[in-house]
PDB file of all heavy atoms in Angstrom:
ATOM      1  N   GLN A   1     193.113 133.389  38.783  1.00  0.00           N
ATOM      2  CA  GLN A   1     194.381 132.985  38.114  1.00  0.00           C
ATOM      3  C   GLN A   1     195.512 133.968  38.499  1.00  0.00           C
ATOM      4  O   GLN A   1     195.136 135.134  38.733  1.00  0.00           O
ATOM      5  CB  GLN A   1     194.225 132.876  36.648  1.00  0.00           C
ATOM      6  CG  GLN A   1     193.217 131.836  36.119  1.00  0.00           C
ATOM      7  CD  GLN A   1     193.820 130.416  36.095  1.00  0.00           C
ATOM      8  OE1 GLN A   1     195.001 130.279  36.074  1.00  0.00           O
ATOM      9  NE2 GLN A   1     192.956 129.441  36.178  1.00  0.00           N
ATOM     10  N   PRO A   2     196.690 133.546  38.423  1.00  0.00           N
ATOM     11  CA  PRO A   2     197.800 134.579  38.589  1.00  0.00           C
ATOM     12  C   PRO A   2     197.742 135.637  37.472  1.00  0.00           C
ATOM     13  O   PRO A   2     197.538 135.330  36.401  1.00  0.00           O
ATOM     14  CB  PRO A   2     199.087 133.721  38.424  1.00  0.00           C
ATOM     15  CG  PRO A   2     198.732 132.339  38.950  1.00  0.00           C
ATOM     16  CD  PRO A   2     197.213 132.200  38.373  1.00  0.00           C
ATOM     17  N   GLY A   3     197.930 136.878  37.941  1.00  0.00           N
ATOM     18  CA  GLY A   3     197.863 137.999  37.019  1.00  0.00           C
ATOM     19  C   GLY A   3     196.447 138.535  36.909  1.00  0.00           C
ATOM     20  O   GLY A   3     196.254 139.574  36.273  1.00  0.00           O
ATOM     21  N   GLY A   4     195.493 137.838  37.516  1.00  0.00           N
ATOM     22  CA  GLY A   4     194.127 138.286  37.530  1.00  0.00           C
ATOM     23  C   GLY A   4     193.775 139.354  38.466  1.00  0.00           C
ATOM     24  O   GLY A   4     194.703 139.787  39.258  1.00  0.00           O
ATOM     25  N   SER A   5     192.472 139.671  38.509  1.00  0.00           N
ATOM     26  CA  SER A   5     192.016 140.814  39.441  1.00  0.00           C
ATOM     27  C   SER A   5     190.840 140.279  40.264  1.00  0.00           C
ATOM     28  O   SER A   5     190.162 139.363  39.924  1.00  0.00           O
ATOM     29  CB  SER A   5     191.656 141.972  38.648  1.00  0.00           C
ATOM     30  OG  SER A   5     192.697 142.539  37.900  1.00  0.00           O
ATOM     31  N   LEU A   6     190.659 140.910  41.422  1.00  0.00           N
ATOM     32  CA  LEU A   6     189.559 140.554  42.253  1.00  0.00           C
ATOM     33  C   LEU A   6     189.308 141.809  43.112  1.00  0.00           C
ATOM     34  O   LEU A   6     190.244 142.576  43.493  1.00  0.00           O
ATOM     35  CB  LEU A   6     190.030 139.399  43.199  1.00  0.00           C
ATOM     36  CG  LEU A   6     188.894 138.544  43.832  1.00  0.00           C
ATOM     37  CD1 LEU A   6     188.054 137.877  42.804  1.00  0.00           C
ATOM     38  CD2 LEU A   6     189.541 137.594  44.809  1.00  0.00           C
ATOM     39  N   ARG A   7     187.993 142.024  43.490  1.00  0.00           N
ATOM     40  CA  ARG A   7     187.708 143.162  44.284  1.00  0.00           C
ATOM     41  C   ARG A   7     186.932 142.699  45.564  1.00  0.00           C
ATOM     42  O   ARG A   7     185.945 141.978  45.545  1.00  0.00           O
ATOM     43  CB  ARG A   7     186.777 144.134  43.537  1.00  0.00           C
ATOM     44  CG  ARG A   7     186.490 145.389  44.363  1.00  0.00           C
ATOM     45  CD  ARG A   7     185.674 146.457  43.604  1.00  0.00           C
ATOM     46  NE  ARG A   7     184.206 146.042  43.422  1.00  0.00           N
ATOM     47  CZ  ARG A   7     183.338 146.834  42.950  1.00  0.00           C
ATOM     48  NH1 ARG A   7     183.667 148.054  42.478  1.00  0.00           N
ATOM     49  NH2 ARG A   7     182.033 146.401  42.816  1.00  0.00           N
ATOM     50  N   LEU A   8     187.507 143.094  46.688  1.00  0.00           N
ATOM     51  CA  LEU A   8     186.895 142.726  47.919  1.00  0.00           C
ATOM     52  C   LEU A   8     186.089 143.932  48.548  1.00  0.00           C
ATOM     53  O   LEU A   8     186.385 145.025  48.233  1.00  0.00           O
ATOM     54  CB  LEU A   8     187.957 142.390  48.976  1.00  0.00           C
ATOM     55  CG  LEU A   8     188.940 141.288  48.656  1.00  0.00           C
ATOM     56  CD1 LEU A   8     189.881 141.034  49.779  1.00  0.00           C
ATOM     57  CD2 LEU A   8     188.176 140.059  48.215  1.00  0.00           C
ATOM     58  N   SER A   9     184.910 143.606  49.081  1.00  0.00           N
ATOM     59  CA  SER A   9     184.122 144.568  49.729  1.00  0.00           C
ATOM     60  C   SER A   9     184.014 144.437  51.246  1.00  0.00           C
ATOM     61  O   SER A   9     184.074 143.306  51.732  1.00  0.00           O
ATOM     62  CB  SER A   9     182.715 144.583  49.056  1.00  0.00           C
ATOM     63  OG  SER A   9     182.822 144.872  47.656  1.00  0.00           O
ATOM     64  N   CYS A  10     183.818 145.578  51.921  1.00  0.00           N
ATOM     65  CA  CYS A  10     183.569 145.498  53.363  1.00  0.00           C
ATOM     66  C   CYS A  10     182.415 146.421  53.704  1.00  0.00           C
ATOM     67  O   CYS A  10     182.434 147.569  53.253  1.00  0.00           O
ATOM     68  CB  CYS A  10     184.811 145.996  53.985  1.00  0.00           C
ATOM     69  SG  CYS A  10     184.739 146.200  55.792  1.00  0.00           S
ATOM     70  N   LYS A  11     181.502 145.916  54.524  1.00  0.00           N
ATOM     71  CA  LYS A  11     180.329 146.757  54.973  1.00  0.00           C
ATOM     72  C   LYS A  11     180.297 146.756  56.465  1.00  0.00           C
ATOM     73  O   LYS A  11     180.278 145.660  57.145  1.00  0.00           O
ATOM     74  CB  LYS A  11     179.137 146.185  54.392  1.00  0.00           C
ATOM     75  CG  LYS A  11     177.891 147.064  54.713  1.00  0.00           C
ATOM     76  CD  LYS A  11     176.610 146.600  54.016  1.00  0.00           C
ATOM     77  CE  LYS A  11     175.436 147.405  54.423  1.00  0.00           C
ATOM     78  NZ  LYS A  11     175.571 148.898  54.144  1.00  0.00           N
ATOM     79  N   ALA A  12     180.245 147.948  57.021  1.00  0.00           N
ATOM     80  CA  ALA A  12     180.005 148.076  58.496  1.00  0.00           C
ATOM     81  C   ALA A  12     178.472 148.444  58.646  1.00  0.00           C
ATOM     82  O   ALA A  12     177.963 149.307  58.038  1.00  0.00           O
ATOM     83  CB  ALA A  12     180.879 149.146  59.104  1.00  0.00           C
ATOM     84  N   SER A  13     177.792 147.794  59.565  1.00  0.00           N
ATOM     85  CA  SER A  13     176.450 147.996  59.851  1.00  0.00           C
ATOM     86  C   SER A  13     176.168 148.124  61.337  1.00  0.00           C
ATOM     87  O   SER A  13     177.043 147.662  62.172  1.00  0.00           O
ATOM     88  CB  SER A  13     175.594 146.800  59.232  1.00  0.00           C
ATOM     89  OG  SER A  13     175.923 145.618  59.787  1.00  0.00           O
ATOM     90  N   GLY A  14     175.069 148.653  61.640  1.00  0.00           N
ATOM     91  CA  GLY A  14     174.695 148.914  63.059  1.00  0.00           C
ATOM     92  C   GLY A  14     174.722 150.379  63.458  1.00  0.00           C
ATOM     93  O   GLY A  14     174.647 151.247  62.548  1.00  0.00           O
ATOM     94  N   SER A  15     174.834 150.615  64.766  1.00  0.00           N
ATOM     95  CA  SER A  15     174.880 151.988  65.212  1.00  0.00           C
ATOM     96  C   SER A  15     176.295 152.588  65.032  1.00  0.00           C
ATOM     97  O   SER A  15     177.155 152.234  65.750  1.00  0.00           O
ATOM     98  CB  SER A  15     174.448 152.054  66.745  1.00  0.00           C
ATOM     99  OG  SER A  15     174.525 153.321  67.196  1.00  0.00           O
ATOM    100  N   ILE A  16     176.365 153.400  64.010  1.00  0.00           N
ATOM    101  CA  ILE A  16     177.761 154.023  63.777  1.00  0.00           C
ATOM    102  C   ILE A  16     177.585 155.515  63.694  1.00  0.00           C
ATOM    103  O   ILE A  16     176.825 156.009  62.843  1.00  0.00           O
ATOM    104  CB  ILE A  16     178.243 153.481  62.379  1.00  0.00           C
ATOM    105  CG1 ILE A  16     178.418 151.958  62.416  1.00  0.00           C
ATOM    106  CG2 ILE A  16     179.532 154.217  62.058  1.00  0.00           C
ATOM    107  CD1 ILE A  16     178.710 151.310  60.992  1.00  0.00           C
ATOM    108  N   PHE A  17     178.396 156.253  64.510  1.00  0.00           N
ATOM    109  CA  PHE A  17     178.428 157.653  64.459  1.00  0.00           C
ATOM    110  C   PHE A  17     179.347 158.127  63.319  1.00  0.00           C
ATOM    111  O   PHE A  17     179.055 159.016  62.525  1.00  0.00           O
ATOM    112  CB  PHE A  17     178.885 158.251  65.851  1.00  0.00           C
ATOM    113  CG  PHE A  17     178.963 159.685  65.883  1.00  0.00           C
ATOM    114  CD1 PHE A  17     177.853 160.534  65.808  1.00  0.00           C
ATOM    115  CD2 PHE A  17     180.169 160.318  65.696  1.00  0.00           C
ATOM    116  CE1 PHE A  17     177.898 161.894  65.821  1.00  0.00           C
ATOM    117  CE2 PHE A  17     180.312 161.729  65.687  1.00  0.00           C
ATOM    118  CZ  PHE A  17     179.096 162.475  65.742  1.00  0.00           C
ATOM    119  N   SER A  18     180.645 157.534  63.286  1.00  0.00           N
ATOM    120  CA  SER A  18     181.607 157.881  62.311  1.00  0.00           C
ATOM    121  C   SER A  18     182.587 156.788  62.183  1.00  0.00           C
ATOM    122  O   SER A  18     182.939 156.178  63.168  1.00  0.00           O
ATOM    123  CB  SER A  18     182.267 159.200  62.540  1.00  0.00           C
ATOM    124  OG  SER A  18     183.014 159.199  63.726  1.00  0.00           O
ATOM    125  N   ILE A  19     183.162 156.564  61.026  1.00  0.00           N
ATOM    126  CA  ILE A  19     184.288 155.647  60.794  1.00  0.00           C
ATOM    127  C   ILE A  19     185.487 156.465  60.629  1.00  0.00           C
ATOM    128  O   ILE A  19     185.621 157.195  59.634  1.00  0.00           O
ATOM    129  CB  ILE A  19     183.969 154.667  59.620  1.00  0.00           C
ATOM    130  CG1 ILE A  19     182.779 153.902  59.805  1.00  0.00           C
ATOM    131  CG2 ILE A  19     185.235 153.819  59.326  1.00  0.00           C
ATOM    132  CD1 ILE A  19     182.383 152.972  58.706  1.00  0.00           C
ATOM    133  N   ASN A  20     186.500 156.312  61.508  1.00  0.00           N
ATOM    134  CA  ASN A  20     187.723 157.047  61.421  1.00  0.00           C
ATOM    135  C   ASN A  20     188.671 156.519  60.404  1.00  0.00           C
ATOM    136  O   ASN A  20     189.383 157.260  59.718  1.00  0.00           O
ATOM    137  CB  ASN A  20     188.351 157.171  62.715  1.00  0.00           C
ATOM    138  CG  ASN A  20     187.516 158.005  63.839  1.00  0.00           C
ATOM    139  OD1 ASN A  20     186.865 158.952  63.486  1.00  0.00           O
ATOM    140  ND2 ASN A  20     187.520 157.496  65.009  1.00  0.00           N
ATOM    141  N   ALA A  21     188.644 155.181  60.294  1.00  0.00           N
ATOM    142  CA  ALA A  21     189.557 154.532  59.375  1.00  0.00           C
ATOM    143  C   ALA A  21     189.118 153.080  58.976  1.00  0.00           C
ATOM    144  O   ALA A  21     188.405 152.488  59.850  1.00  0.00           O
ATOM    145  CB  ALA A  21     190.981 154.462  59.904  1.00  0.00           C
ATOM    146  N   MET A  22     189.545 152.647  57.844  1.00  0.00           N
ATOM    147  CA  MET A  22     189.250 151.282  57.525  1.00  0.00           C
ATOM    148  C   MET A  22     190.482 150.648  56.970  1.00  0.00           C
ATOM    149  O   MET A  22     191.320 151.270  56.310  1.00  0.00           O
ATOM    150  CB  MET A  22     188.122 151.167  56.437  1.00  0.00           C
ATOM    151  CG  MET A  22     186.780 151.656  56.870  1.00  0.00           C
ATOM    152  SD  MET A  22     185.473 151.274  55.574  1.00  0.00           S
ATOM    153  CE  MET A  22     185.340 149.508  55.826  1.00  0.00           C
ATOM    154  N   GLY A  23     190.820 149.427  57.278  1.00  0.00           N
ATOM    155  CA  GLY A  23     191.960 148.751  56.822  1.00  0.00           C
ATOM    156  C   GLY A  23     191.728 147.318  56.351  1.00  0.00           C
ATOM    157  O   GLY A  23     190.806 146.711  56.789  1.00  0.00           O
ATOM    158  N   TRP A  24     192.601 146.848  55.648  1.00  0.00           N
ATOM    159  CA  TRP A  24     192.543 145.434  55.088  1.00  0.00           C
ATOM    160  C   TRP A  24     193.864 144.745  55.545  1.00  0.00           C
ATOM    161  O   TRP A  24     194.962 145.228  55.426  1.00  0.00           O
ATOM    162  CB  TRP A  24     192.498 145.310  53.585  1.00  0.00           C
ATOM    163  CG  TRP A  24     191.145 145.767  53.058  1.00  0.00           C
ATOM    164  CD1 TRP A  24     190.675 146.973  52.648  1.00  0.00           C
ATOM    165  CD2 TRP A  24     190.032 144.894  52.879  1.00  0.00           C
ATOM    166  NE1 TRP A  24     189.458 146.998  52.262  1.00  0.00           N
ATOM    167  CE2 TRP A  24     188.993 145.721  52.358  1.00  0.00           C
ATOM    168  CE3 TRP A  24     189.836 143.499  53.030  1.00  0.00           C
ATOM    169  CZ2 TRP A  24     187.668 145.184  52.094  1.00  0.00           C
ATOM    170  CZ3 TRP A  24     188.550 143.029  52.740  1.00  0.00           C
ATOM    171  CH2 TRP A  24     187.477 143.860  52.299  1.00  0.00           C
ATOM    172  N   TYR A  25     193.678 143.656  56.145  1.00  0.00           N
ATOM    173  CA  TYR A  25     194.749 142.693  56.607  1.00  0.00           C
ATOM    174  C   TYR A  25     194.692 141.387  56.005  1.00  0.00           C
ATOM    175  O   TYR A  25     193.564 141.047  55.482  1.00  0.00           O
ATOM    176  CB  TYR A  25     194.671 142.570  58.133  1.00  0.00           C
ATOM    177  CG  TYR A  25     194.973 143.823  58.925  1.00  0.00           C
ATOM    178  CD1 TYR A  25     194.004 144.817  59.016  1.00  0.00           C
ATOM    179  CD2 TYR A  25     196.156 144.081  59.642  1.00  0.00           C
ATOM    180  CE1 TYR A  25     194.186 146.051  59.692  1.00  0.00           C
ATOM    181  CE2 TYR A  25     196.443 145.199  60.259  1.00  0.00           C
ATOM    182  CZ  TYR A  25     195.384 146.168  60.417  1.00  0.00           C
ATOM    183  OH  TYR A  25     195.592 147.271  61.107  1.00  0.00           O
ATOM    184  N   ARG A  26     195.741 140.605  55.950  1.00  0.00           N
ATOM    185  CA  ARG A  26     195.643 139.305  55.459  1.00  0.00           C
ATOM    186  C   ARG A  26     196.416 138.377  56.312  1.00  0.00           C
ATOM    187  O   ARG A  26     197.477 138.771  56.873  1.00  0.00           O
ATOM    188  CB  ARG A  26     196.057 139.216  53.966  1.00  0.00           C
ATOM    189  CG  ARG A  26     197.585 139.411  53.739  1.00  0.00           C
ATOM    190  CD  ARG A  26     197.893 139.500  52.193  1.00  0.00           C
ATOM    191  NE  ARG A  26     199.268 139.501  52.017  1.00  0.00           N
ATOM    192  CZ  ARG A  26     199.818 139.671  50.730  1.00  0.00           C
ATOM    193  NH1 ARG A  26     199.016 139.821  49.720  1.00  0.00           N
ATOM    194  NH2 ARG A  26     201.169 139.720  50.611  1.00  0.00           N
ATOM    195  N   GLN A  27     196.142 136.997  56.249  1.00  0.00           N
ATOM    196  CA  GLN A  27     196.878 136.103  57.014  1.00  0.00           C
ATOM    197  C   GLN A  27     196.960 134.729  56.201  1.00  0.00           C
ATOM    198  O   GLN A  27     195.862 134.217  55.908  1.00  0.00           O
ATOM    199  CB  GLN A  27     196.268 135.765  58.376  1.00  0.00           C
ATOM    200  CG  GLN A  27     197.035 134.898  59.211  1.00  0.00           C
ATOM    201  CD  GLN A  27     196.597 134.855  60.691  1.00  0.00           C
ATOM    202  OE1 GLN A  27     195.493 135.251  60.960  1.00  0.00           O
ATOM    203  NE2 GLN A  27     197.524 134.487  61.626  1.00  0.00           N
ATOM    204  N   ALA A  28     198.173 134.351  55.854  1.00  0.00           N
ATOM    205  CA  ALA A  28     198.395 133.095  55.154  1.00  0.00           C
ATOM    206  C   ALA A  28     198.610 132.014  56.168  1.00  0.00           C
ATOM    207  O   ALA A  28     199.053 132.268  57.258  1.00  0.00           O
ATOM    208  CB  ALA A  28     199.538 133.219  54.171  1.00  0.00           C
ATOM    209  N   PRO A  29     198.372 130.739  55.881  1.00  0.00           N
ATOM    210  CA  PRO A  29     198.671 129.613  56.762  1.00  0.00           C
ATOM    211  C   PRO A  29     200.118 129.718  57.219  1.00  0.00           C
ATOM    212  O   PRO A  29     201.138 129.756  56.499  1.00  0.00           O
ATOM    213  CB  PRO A  29     198.483 128.368  55.852  1.00  0.00           C
ATOM    214  CG  PRO A  29     197.421 128.871  54.839  1.00  0.00           C
ATOM    215  CD  PRO A  29     197.821 130.246  54.480  1.00  0.00           C
ATOM    216  N   GLY A  30     200.241 129.531  58.566  1.00  0.00           N
ATOM    217  CA  GLY A  30     201.525 129.560  59.142  1.00  0.00           C
ATOM    218  C   GLY A  30     202.137 130.990  59.241  1.00  0.00           C
ATOM    219  O   GLY A  30     203.373 131.006  59.688  1.00  0.00           O
ATOM    220  N   LYS A  31     201.492 131.973  58.840  1.00  0.00           N
ATOM    221  CA  LYS A  31     202.059 133.345  58.876  1.00  0.00           C
ATOM    222  C   LYS A  31     201.303 134.239  59.849  1.00  0.00           C
ATOM    223  O   LYS A  31     200.127 133.907  60.206  1.00  0.00           O
ATOM    224  CB  LYS A  31     202.031 133.945  57.368  1.00  0.00           C
ATOM    225  CG  LYS A  31     202.719 133.189  56.394  1.00  0.00           C
ATOM    226  CD  LYS A  31     204.245 133.187  56.577  1.00  0.00           C
ATOM    227  CE  LYS A  31     205.006 132.513  55.458  1.00  0.00           C
ATOM    228  NZ  LYS A  31     206.456 132.574  55.598  1.00  0.00           N
ATOM    229  N   GLU A  32     201.890 135.259  60.204  1.00  0.00           N
ATOM    230  CA  GLU A  32     201.253 136.316  61.084  1.00  0.00           C
ATOM    231  C   GLU A  32     200.359 137.168  60.211  1.00  0.00           C
ATOM    232  O   GLU A  32     200.666 137.381  58.986  1.00  0.00           O
ATOM    233  CB  GLU A  32     202.285 137.107  61.829  1.00  0.00           C
ATOM    234  CG  GLU A  32     203.080 136.330  62.795  1.00  0.00           C
ATOM    235  CD  GLU A  32     204.043 137.215  63.653  1.00  0.00           C
ATOM    236  OE1 GLU A  32     204.062 138.393  63.349  1.00  0.00           O
ATOM    237  OE2 GLU A  32     204.540 136.670  64.576  1.00  0.00           O
ATOM    238  N   ARG A  33     199.291 137.704  60.875  1.00  0.00           N
ATOM    239  CA  ARG A  33     198.484 138.606  60.150  1.00  0.00           C
ATOM    240  C   ARG A  33     199.150 139.919  59.870  1.00  0.00           C
ATOM    241  O   ARG A  33     199.969 140.433  60.663  1.00  0.00           O
ATOM    242  CB  ARG A  33     197.217 138.916  60.997  1.00  0.00           C
ATOM    243  CG  ARG A  33     196.168 139.801  60.407  1.00  0.00           C
ATOM    244  CD  ARG A  33     194.907 139.917  61.099  1.00  0.00           C
ATOM    245  NE  ARG A  33     194.267 138.600  61.309  1.00  0.00           N
ATOM    246  CZ  ARG A  33     193.177 138.380  61.889  1.00  0.00           C
ATOM    247  NH1 ARG A  33     192.409 139.461  62.388  1.00  0.00           N
ATOM    248  NH2 ARG A  33     192.587 137.208  62.093  1.00  0.00           N
TER     249      ARG A  33
END
């Protein structure tokens, strides 16, 4: 609902030496990411 809250999670798996940065992007219909 509008005004509500939500938490998104992201997991990287596999052979990883180090993660330099993580980012979140979004794309709405008809819009650029």
